[in-house]
Structures are given as C-alpha cells and as structure tokens.
Amino acid sequence: MGAYESPTIRIFGEKYNDEGVPFKGKMEWKEISNAATARMESFVSVVTDNNYNEFMNREKNNMKVLLFSKKKKASILYKALSKFSKQFSYGFVKESDPLTKKFGIETLPSI
C-alpha cells in the first residue's frame, strides 16, 4: 500500500460564491501560502509622493496609517489588518519612494 498521488488543493477567495481555483504549484508550504495570499482581498493603498494628498483626503473620517517598508508589497498581516479595521485607511510606502525622505525616515521595518 502507498499513496499514488497528492491531494487536490483548491484556493478560495473571500466571496461567498467563490468556487476556488485548483493549486497547480509545488506541494510546499511556501508555494501554497503565496498562492493563497495572492487571492486575499487587500484594502491597503500603495501611497507615493504623487498620490499622497489624494490618500490623505480620501475617507476624511478615517485615521490614516502609513507603513514605510523595504518590502515590495504589503505583508499578509498588514493586508488582514486593513480588512478588519474600518475606521482606519491603510497605506503602504516603498523605501524607494521620495515620501520616505520627505518624512525623514532613515530606518525601515521589513514586516
């Protein structure tokens, strides 16, 4: 006796009627995790020097949270937080953006 094939993994989005998509990558934790997080809905805005004022003026009653980071995109934790905190507007600023210098930020987290 033995296993002759791997189980099928389907990745579902957050919508009730989402039928999911079959996972076709390597059966490794990191690959499965990356595929699942790619389907996760995000309420994080990428904020740049060009759209900073627009971000700040949007949803005027919300408090604004900006994460300056070395990463290329917002972490899964930050994306999840953005979904459940409705009184905040979440922004993500990349290290290379001029806003980093304008705010005088010298050390950046990599979360």
N, C-alpha and C. Protein backbone atom coordinates (compact mmCIF):
# COMPACT_ATOMS: atom_id res chain seq x y z
N MET A 1 0.81 -1.17 0.00
CA MET A 1 0.00 0.00 0.00
C MET A 1 0.86 1.24 0.00
N GLY A 2 0.35 2.31 -0.55
CA GLY A 2 1.07 3.58 -0.59
C GLY A 2 0.21 4.65 -1.20
N ALA A 3 0.71 5.85 -1.18
CA ALA A 3 0.00 6.97 -1.80
C ALA A 3 0.51 7.13 -3.22
N TYR A 4 -0.40 7.24 -4.14
CA TYR A 4 -0.01 7.35 -5.54
C TYR A 4 -0.15 8.75 -6.11
N GLU A 5 -0.85 9.60 -5.41
CA GLU A 5 -0.96 10.98 -5.87
C GLU A 5 -1.22 11.90 -4.68
N SER A 6 -0.91 13.17 -4.88
CA SER A 6 -1.12 14.17 -3.83
C SER A 6 -2.58 14.60 -3.80
N PRO A 7 -3.02 15.08 -2.66
CA PRO A 7 -4.40 15.58 -2.61
C PRO A 7 -4.54 16.84 -3.47
N THR A 8 -5.75 17.12 -3.88
CA THR A 8 -6.02 18.33 -4.64
C THR A 8 -6.25 19.46 -3.65
N ILE A 9 -5.64 20.58 -3.93
CA ILE A 9 -5.82 21.77 -3.09
C ILE A 9 -6.51 22.82 -3.92
N ARG A 10 -7.57 23.39 -3.38
CA ARG A 10 -8.28 24.49 -4.02
C ARG A 10 -8.11 25.72 -3.14
N ILE A 11 -7.88 26.85 -3.77
CA ILE A 11 -7.69 28.10 -3.04
C ILE A 11 -8.92 28.97 -3.28
N PHE A 12 -9.54 29.36 -2.16
CA PHE A 12 -10.78 30.13 -2.22
C PHE A 12 -10.52 31.57 -1.83
N GLY A 13 -11.25 32.47 -2.48
CA GLY A 13 -11.23 33.88 -2.12
C GLY A 13 -12.20 34.09 -0.98
N GLU A 14 -12.54 35.32 -0.74
CA GLU A 14 -13.37 35.66 0.41
C GLU A 14 -14.85 35.78 0.10
N LYS A 15 -15.20 35.75 -1.17
CA LYS A 15 -16.60 35.88 -1.56
C LYS A 15 -17.34 34.57 -1.31
N TYR A 16 -18.58 34.68 -0.89
CA TYR A 16 -19.40 33.51 -0.57
C TYR A 16 -19.52 32.55 -1.75
N ASN A 17 -19.68 33.06 -2.95
CA ASN A 17 -19.90 32.22 -4.13
C ASN A 17 -18.62 31.84 -4.87
N ASP A 18 -17.46 32.10 -4.28
CA ASP A 18 -16.18 31.76 -4.92
C ASP A 18 -16.05 30.24 -5.01
N GLU A 19 -15.82 29.74 -6.20
CA GLU A 19 -15.68 28.30 -6.41
C GLU A 19 -14.24 27.82 -6.22
N GLY A 20 -13.34 28.76 -6.01
CA GLY A 20 -11.94 28.39 -5.80
C GLY A 20 -11.23 28.04 -7.09
N VAL A 21 -9.92 28.01 -7.00
CA VAL A 21 -9.11 27.60 -8.15
C VAL A 21 -8.17 26.50 -7.69
N PRO A 22 -7.93 25.52 -8.54
CA PRO A 22 -7.01 24.45 -8.14
C PRO A 22 -5.58 24.98 -8.05
N PHE A 23 -4.88 24.56 -7.01
CA PHE A 23 -3.48 24.91 -6.85
C PHE A 23 -2.67 23.99 -7.73
N LYS A 24 -1.79 24.57 -8.56
CA LYS A 24 -1.02 23.76 -9.52
C LYS A 24 0.48 23.79 -9.26
N GLY A 25 0.91 24.46 -8.20
CA GLY A 25 2.34 24.59 -7.93
C GLY A 25 2.90 23.39 -7.18
N LYS A 26 4.13 23.55 -6.69
CA LYS A 26 4.77 22.51 -5.89
C LYS A 26 4.02 22.36 -4.57
N MET A 27 3.93 21.17 -4.07
CA MET A 27 3.26 20.91 -2.80
C MET A 27 4.22 21.24 -1.65
N GLU A 28 4.53 22.52 -1.56
CA GLU A 28 5.39 23.02 -0.49
C GLU A 28 4.65 24.16 0.20
N TRP A 29 4.86 24.28 1.51
CA TRP A 29 4.14 25.26 2.31
C TRP A 29 4.25 26.66 1.73
N LYS A 30 5.45 27.10 1.39
CA LYS A 30 5.68 28.46 0.91
C LYS A 30 4.92 28.73 -0.39
N GLU A 31 4.94 27.78 -1.29
CA GLU A 31 4.23 27.93 -2.57
C GLU A 31 2.72 28.01 -2.37
N ILE A 32 2.19 27.15 -1.51
CA ILE A 32 0.75 27.15 -1.23
C ILE A 32 0.36 28.46 -0.54
N SER A 33 1.16 28.89 0.41
CA SER A 33 0.91 30.13 1.14
C SER A 33 0.92 31.33 0.20
N ASN A 34 1.89 31.40 -0.68
CA ASN A 34 1.97 32.51 -1.64
C ASN A 34 0.76 32.55 -2.56
N ALA A 35 0.32 31.40 -3.02
CA ALA A 35 -0.85 31.33 -3.90
C ALA A 35 -2.10 31.77 -3.16
N ALA A 36 -2.23 31.37 -1.90
CA ALA A 36 -3.41 31.74 -1.11
C ALA A 36 -3.42 33.24 -0.80
N THR A 37 -2.29 33.78 -0.42
CA THR A 37 -2.26 35.20 -0.07
C THR A 37 -2.44 36.09 -1.29
N ALA A 38 -2.08 35.59 -2.47
CA ALA A 38 -2.28 36.36 -3.70
C ALA A 38 -3.77 36.57 -3.97
N ARG A 39 -4.61 35.65 -3.49
CA ARG A 39 -6.06 35.77 -3.69
C ARG A 39 -6.75 36.54 -2.58
N MET A 40 -6.00 36.89 -1.57
CA MET A 40 -6.59 37.61 -0.44
C MET A 40 -6.91 39.05 -0.83
N GLU A 41 -8.10 39.49 -0.49
CA GLU A 41 -8.53 40.85 -0.77
C GLU A 41 -7.70 41.82 0.10
N SER A 42 -7.30 42.93 -0.49
CA SER A 42 -6.49 43.90 0.23
C SER A 42 -7.16 45.26 0.22
N PHE A 43 -7.10 45.94 1.36
CA PHE A 43 -7.62 47.29 1.46
C PHE A 43 -6.49 48.27 1.75
N VAL A 44 -5.29 47.88 1.35
CA VAL A 44 -4.09 48.70 1.54
C VAL A 44 -3.82 49.44 0.23
N SER A 45 -3.67 50.75 0.32
CA SER A 45 -3.34 51.55 -0.86
C SER A 45 -1.83 51.72 -0.96
N VAL A 46 -1.30 51.60 -2.16
CA VAL A 46 0.10 51.92 -2.37
C VAL A 46 0.15 53.44 -2.46
N VAL A 47 0.88 54.06 -1.55
CA VAL A 47 0.95 55.51 -1.47
C VAL A 47 2.31 55.97 -1.98
N THR A 48 2.28 56.95 -2.86
CA THR A 48 3.50 57.51 -3.42
C THR A 48 3.49 59.02 -3.21
N ASP A 49 4.58 59.63 -3.55
CA ASP A 49 4.66 61.09 -3.49
C ASP A 49 3.57 61.72 -4.37
N ASN A 50 3.25 61.06 -5.47
CA ASN A 50 2.25 61.59 -6.41
C ASN A 50 0.82 61.50 -5.91
N ASN A 51 0.49 60.48 -5.11
CA ASN A 51 -0.91 60.32 -4.69
C ASN A 51 -1.11 60.50 -3.18
N TYR A 52 -0.11 60.98 -2.48
CA TYR A 52 -0.18 61.15 -1.03
C TYR A 52 -1.37 62.03 -0.61
N ASN A 53 -1.53 63.20 -1.23
CA ASN A 53 -2.62 64.10 -0.86
C ASN A 53 -3.98 63.47 -1.12
N GLU A 54 -4.10 62.77 -2.21
CA GLU A 54 -5.36 62.07 -2.52
C GLU A 54 -5.67 61.03 -1.43
N PHE A 55 -4.66 60.27 -1.02
CA PHE A 55 -4.84 59.27 0.04
C PHE A 55 -5.28 59.93 1.34
N MET A 56 -4.64 61.03 1.69
CA MET A 56 -4.95 61.72 2.95
C MET A 56 -6.35 62.35 2.94
N ASN A 57 -6.83 62.77 1.78
CA ASN A 57 -8.14 63.41 1.68
C ASN A 57 -9.29 62.42 1.47
N ARG A 58 -8.98 61.21 1.16
CA ARG A 58 -9.98 60.17 0.98
C ARG A 58 -10.50 59.72 2.35
N GLU A 59 -11.76 59.36 2.44
CA GLU A 59 -12.35 58.86 3.68
C GLU A 59 -11.94 59.75 4.85
N LYS A 60 -12.41 60.96 4.81
CA LYS A 60 -11.98 62.01 5.75
C LYS A 60 -12.15 61.66 7.22
N ASN A 61 -13.13 60.82 7.56
CA ASN A 61 -13.36 60.47 8.96
C ASN A 61 -12.41 59.38 9.46
N ASN A 62 -11.71 58.73 8.55
CA ASN A 62 -10.79 57.65 8.93
C ASN A 62 -9.44 58.21 9.35
N MET A 63 -8.84 57.56 10.34
CA MET A 63 -7.45 57.86 10.68
C MET A 63 -6.57 57.17 9.64
N LYS A 64 -5.43 57.75 9.36
CA LYS A 64 -4.53 57.22 8.33
C LYS A 64 -3.35 56.51 8.97
N VAL A 65 -3.00 55.36 8.40
CA VAL A 65 -1.85 54.58 8.84
C VAL A 65 -0.96 54.35 7.63
N LEU A 66 0.29 54.79 7.70
CA LEU A 66 1.24 54.55 6.62
C LEU A 66 2.34 53.63 7.11
N LEU A 67 2.60 52.60 6.34
CA LEU A 67 3.71 51.69 6.63
C LEU A 67 4.79 51.92 5.59
N PHE A 68 5.93 52.40 6.02
CA PHE A 68 7.09 52.56 5.15
C PHE A 68 7.89 51.26 5.28
N SER A 69 8.21 50.63 4.16
CA SER A 69 8.83 49.31 4.24
C SER A 69 9.86 49.07 3.15
N LYS A 70 10.78 48.16 3.44
CA LYS A 70 11.77 47.72 2.48
C LYS A 70 11.18 46.70 1.50
N LYS A 71 10.06 46.11 1.87
CA LYS A 71 9.44 45.09 1.04
C LYS A 71 8.81 45.70 -0.20
N LYS A 72 8.56 44.86 -1.20
CA LYS A 72 7.96 45.33 -2.45
C LYS A 72 6.45 45.45 -2.35
N LYS A 73 5.84 44.73 -1.41
CA LYS A 73 4.39 44.81 -1.24
C LYS A 73 4.04 44.59 0.23
N ALA A 74 2.82 44.95 0.56
CA ALA A 74 2.36 44.86 1.95
C ALA A 74 2.30 43.40 2.40
N SER A 75 2.64 43.17 3.66
CA SER A 75 2.63 41.82 4.22
C SER A 75 1.20 41.32 4.39
N ILE A 76 1.06 40.03 4.53
CA ILE A 76 -0.25 39.41 4.74
C ILE A 76 -0.89 39.92 6.02
N LEU A 77 -0.11 40.13 7.04
CA LEU A 77 -0.63 40.65 8.31
C LEU A 77 -1.21 42.05 8.14
N TYR A 78 -0.51 42.90 7.42
CA TYR A 78 -0.98 44.27 7.18
C TYR A 78 -2.25 44.25 6.32
N LYS A 79 -2.29 43.38 5.31
CA LYS A 79 -3.48 43.24 4.47
C LYS A 79 -4.68 42.79 5.31
N ALA A 80 -4.46 41.83 6.19
CA ALA A 80 -5.55 41.32 7.04
C ALA A 80 -6.04 42.41 7.98
N LEU A 81 -5.13 43.14 8.57
CA LEU A 81 -5.49 44.23 9.47
C LEU A 81 -6.32 45.28 8.75
N SER A 82 -5.97 45.56 7.51
CA SER A 82 -6.68 46.59 6.74
C SER A 82 -8.14 46.21 6.49
N LYS A 83 -8.42 44.94 6.46
CA LYS A 83 -9.79 44.48 6.20
C LYS A 83 -10.69 44.66 7.42
N PHE A 84 -10.16 44.50 8.59
CA PHE A 84 -11.00 44.46 9.78
C PHE A 84 -11.00 45.75 10.60
N SER A 85 -10.26 46.72 10.20
CA SER A 85 -10.21 48.00 10.92
C SER A 85 -10.84 49.07 10.05
N LYS A 86 -12.13 49.20 10.13
CA LYS A 86 -12.86 50.09 9.22
C LYS A 86 -12.67 51.57 9.50
N GLN A 87 -12.22 51.96 10.69
CA GLN A 87 -12.04 53.38 10.97
C GLN A 87 -10.65 53.89 10.59
N PHE A 88 -9.86 53.04 9.97
CA PHE A 88 -8.52 53.41 9.52
C PHE A 88 -8.41 53.23 8.01
N SER A 89 -7.59 54.05 7.38
CA SER A 89 -7.21 53.86 5.98
C SER A 89 -5.73 53.49 5.99
N TYR A 90 -5.40 52.37 5.37
CA TYR A 90 -4.03 51.85 5.40
C TYR A 90 -3.31 52.14 4.09
N GLY A 91 -2.10 52.66 4.23
CA GLY A 91 -1.25 52.92 3.08
C GLY A 91 0.09 52.23 3.23
N PHE A 92 0.69 51.95 2.10
CA PHE A 92 1.98 51.26 2.06
C PHE A 92 2.92 52.09 1.20
N VAL A 93 4.08 52.46 1.74
CA VAL A 93 5.06 53.28 1.02
C VAL A 93 6.35 52.48 0.87
N LYS A 94 6.80 52.35 -0.36
CA LYS A 94 8.05 51.63 -0.63
C LYS A 94 9.26 52.49 -0.27
N GLU A 95 10.32 51.83 0.11
CA GLU A 95 11.56 52.50 0.53
C GLU A 95 12.07 53.49 -0.52
N SER A 96 11.93 53.16 -1.78
CA SER A 96 12.49 53.99 -2.85
C SER A 96 11.67 55.25 -3.14
N ASP A 97 10.47 55.34 -2.59
CA ASP A 97 9.62 56.49 -2.88
C ASP A 97 10.14 57.75 -2.18
N PRO A 98 10.06 58.91 -2.85
CA PRO A 98 10.51 60.17 -2.24
C PRO A 98 9.83 60.51 -0.91
N LEU A 99 8.65 59.97 -0.65
CA LEU A 99 7.99 60.22 0.63
C LEU A 99 8.85 59.80 1.82
N THR A 100 9.63 58.76 1.63
CA THR A 100 10.49 58.28 2.71
C THR A 100 11.44 59.39 3.16
N LYS A 101 12.03 60.07 2.20
CA LYS A 101 12.93 61.18 2.53
C LYS A 101 12.17 62.38 3.07
N LYS A 102 11.01 62.68 2.50
CA LYS A 102 10.21 63.82 2.95
C LYS A 102 9.81 63.68 4.41
N PHE A 103 9.54 62.45 4.85
CA PHE A 103 9.18 62.20 6.24
C PHE A 103 10.40 62.03 7.13
N GLY A 104 11.59 62.03 6.54
CA GLY A 104 12.83 61.91 7.32
C GLY A 104 13.04 60.54 7.89
N ILE A 105 12.53 59.53 7.21
CA ILE A 105 12.65 58.15 7.73
C ILE A 105 13.98 57.57 7.26
N GLU A 106 14.76 57.08 8.21
CA GLU A 106 16.07 56.53 7.90
C GLU A 106 16.13 55.02 8.08
N THR A 107 15.33 54.50 9.00
CA THR A 107 15.32 53.05 9.25
C THR A 107 13.93 52.53 8.96
N LEU A 108 13.86 51.47 8.18
CA LEU A 108 12.57 50.92 7.78
C LEU A 108 12.38 49.50 8.29
N PRO A 109 11.18 49.15 8.70
CA PRO A 109 10.92 47.75 9.08
C PRO A 109 10.77 46.90 7.83
N SER A 110 10.89 45.62 8.00
CA SER A 110 10.70 44.72 6.86
C SER A 110 9.53 43.77 7.10
N ILE A 111 8.51 44.27 7.84
CA ILE A 111 7.34 43.42 8.09
C ILE A 111 6.40 43.46 6.91
